[in-house]
Amino acid sequence: QALAELLPSLANDGHRVLIFSQWTTMLDILEWALEVIGITYRRLDGGTPVIERQTIVDTFNNDLSINACLLSTRAGGQGLNLIGADTVIIHDMDFNPQMDRQAEDRCHRIGQQKPVTIYRC
């Protein structure tokens, strides 16, 4: 419910969001919720073919009409440059806190022009 209230507000204010979960089942639920509330998004998790991942990242970074990106903490939390976002939501914390910190750093990259806000659910 909190996300259903927060995400439209963030989108209306021009913020773009990365939402991390360690569970793909939770990403399925979040995906459904984003569709219901009308938030445009992309999704990247361990089931995403490797050859499609960079396309998803590039599309999210460059297409301002995409408001959010759903990512699994393990597949999307390391090595990606997602400076198109300025907000990170850690939906459920990983057992290893360093994994969450790595995920947060996906939009704390060279080229980021905006302050980054982190939410932990």
Protein backbone atom coordinates (compact mmCIF):
# COMPACT_ATOMS: atom_id res chain seq x y z
CA GLN A 1 0.00 0.00 0.00
CA ALA A 2 2.83 2.37 0.83
CA LEU A 3 4.33 1.86 -2.64
CA ALA A 4 0.93 2.45 -4.27
CA GLU A 5 0.91 5.88 -2.63
CA LEU A 6 4.61 6.68 -2.97
CA LEU A 7 5.29 5.69 -6.59
CA PRO A 8 2.67 7.90 -8.32
CA SER A 9 3.83 10.82 -6.19
CA LEU A 10 7.46 10.22 -7.15
CA ALA A 11 6.53 9.83 -10.84
CA ASN A 12 4.51 13.07 -10.78
CA ASP A 13 7.52 14.88 -9.31
CA GLY A 14 9.78 13.57 -12.09
CA HIS A 15 11.63 10.99 -10.01
CA ARG A 16 12.59 7.64 -11.51
CA VAL A 17 12.85 4.63 -9.25
CA LEU A 18 14.82 1.40 -8.91
CA ILE A 19 12.93 -1.19 -6.85
CA PHE A 20 15.00 -4.10 -5.54
CA SER A 21 13.76 -7.37 -4.10
CA GLN A 22 15.69 -10.53 -3.39
CA TRP A 23 12.64 -12.65 -4.33
CA THR A 24 11.40 -12.97 -7.93
CA THR A 25 7.99 -13.93 -6.58
CA MET A 26 7.85 -10.52 -4.91
CA LEU A 27 8.93 -8.91 -8.19
CA ASP A 28 5.93 -10.65 -9.81
CA ILE A 29 3.63 -9.07 -7.20
CA LEU A 30 5.28 -5.67 -7.59
CA GLU A 31 4.98 -5.95 -11.37
CA TRP A 32 1.24 -6.54 -11.02
CA ALA A 33 0.96 -3.58 -8.62
CA LEU A 34 2.81 -1.25 -11.00
CA GLU A 35 0.46 -2.22 -13.81
CA VAL A 36 -2.59 -1.57 -11.62
CA ILE A 37 -1.42 1.90 -10.56
CA GLY A 38 -0.22 2.79 -14.07
CA ILE A 39 3.52 3.08 -13.51
CA THR A 40 5.63 2.27 -16.57
CA TYR A 41 8.56 -0.01 -15.81
CA ARG A 42 11.18 -2.45 -16.99
CA ARG A 43 12.21 -5.63 -15.17
CA LEU A 44 15.56 -7.35 -14.82
CA ASP A 45 16.13 -10.49 -12.76
CA GLY A 46 18.07 -13.73 -12.92
CA GLY A 47 15.67 -15.07 -15.58
CA THR A 48 16.43 -12.18 -17.94
CA PRO A 49 18.69 -13.40 -20.75
CA VAL A 50 22.16 -11.89 -20.47
CA ILE A 51 22.02 -10.51 -24.03
CA GLU A 52 18.85 -8.51 -23.15
CA ARG A 53 20.13 -6.96 -19.93
CA GLN A 54 22.12 -4.09 -21.44
CA THR A 55 19.17 -3.20 -23.67
CA ILE A 56 16.92 -2.98 -20.60
CA VAL A 57 19.48 -0.77 -18.81
CA ASP A 58 19.95 1.51 -21.84
CA THR A 59 16.20 1.79 -22.42
CA PHE A 60 15.55 2.68 -18.79
CA ASN A 61 18.36 5.25 -18.67
CA ASN A 62 17.34 6.97 -21.90
CA ASP A 63 13.52 6.74 -22.02
CA LEU A 64 12.14 9.26 -19.54
CA SER A 65 8.63 7.82 -19.94
CA ILE A 66 9.72 4.72 -17.98
CA ASN A 67 9.18 5.54 -14.31
CA ALA A 68 10.59 2.46 -12.58
CA CYS A 69 12.82 -0.55 -12.93
CA LEU A 70 12.19 -3.75 -10.99
CA LEU A 71 15.38 -5.63 -10.21
CA SER A 72 16.38 -8.68 -8.25
CA THR A 73 19.03 -7.77 -5.73
CA ARG A 74 21.43 -10.43 -7.02
CA ALA A 75 21.03 -9.99 -10.80
CA GLY A 76 20.51 -6.22 -10.85
CA GLY A 77 22.44 -5.19 -7.80
CA GLN A 78 25.97 -5.34 -9.19
CA GLY A 79 27.78 -3.97 -12.20
CA LEU A 80 24.93 -1.98 -13.75
CA ASN A 81 24.89 1.75 -14.38
CA LEU A 82 21.33 2.96 -13.80
CA ILE A 83 21.87 6.70 -13.55
CA GLY A 84 18.46 7.29 -15.09
CA ALA A 85 17.07 6.77 -11.58
CA ASP A 86 17.39 9.08 -8.62
CA THR A 87 15.47 6.97 -6.12
CA VAL A 88 16.17 3.46 -4.82
CA ILE A 89 13.65 1.35 -2.94
CA ILE A 90 14.98 -1.74 -1.18
CA HIS A 91 11.69 -3.61 -0.87
CA ASP A 92 13.04 -6.46 1.22
CA MET A 93 16.51 -6.43 2.63
CA ASP A 94 19.04 -9.05 1.62
CA PHE A 95 20.55 -11.34 4.23
CA ASN A 96 23.91 -9.78 3.38
CA PRO A 97 23.74 -5.98 3.92
CA GLN A 98 26.57 -5.45 1.42
CA MET A 99 24.29 -6.72 -1.36
CA ASP A 100 21.80 -3.95 -0.55
CA ARG A 101 24.61 -1.38 -0.54
CA GLN A 102 25.74 -2.60 -3.95
CA ALA A 103 22.14 -2.28 -5.17
CA GLU A 104 21.93 1.28 -3.85
CA ASP A 105 25.06 2.15 -5.78
CA ARG A 106 23.46 1.36 -9.14
CA CYS A 107 22.40 4.98 -9.48
CA HIS A 108 25.30 6.43 -7.45
CA ARG A 109 27.52 6.29 -10.55
CA ILE A 110 29.65 8.64 -12.59
CA GLY A 111 27.27 10.76 -14.62
CA GLN A 112 24.53 11.00 -11.99
CA GLN A 113 23.22 14.58 -12.03
CA LYS A 114 20.64 14.40 -9.22
CA PRO A 115 20.72 13.69 -5.49
CA VAL A 116 19.81 10.05 -4.80
CA THR A 117 17.21 9.05 -2.21
CA ILE A 118 17.12 5.57 -0.65
CA TYR A 119 14.03 3.97 0.90
CA ARG A 120 14.11 0.73 2.86
CA CYS A 121 10.83 -1.12 3.34
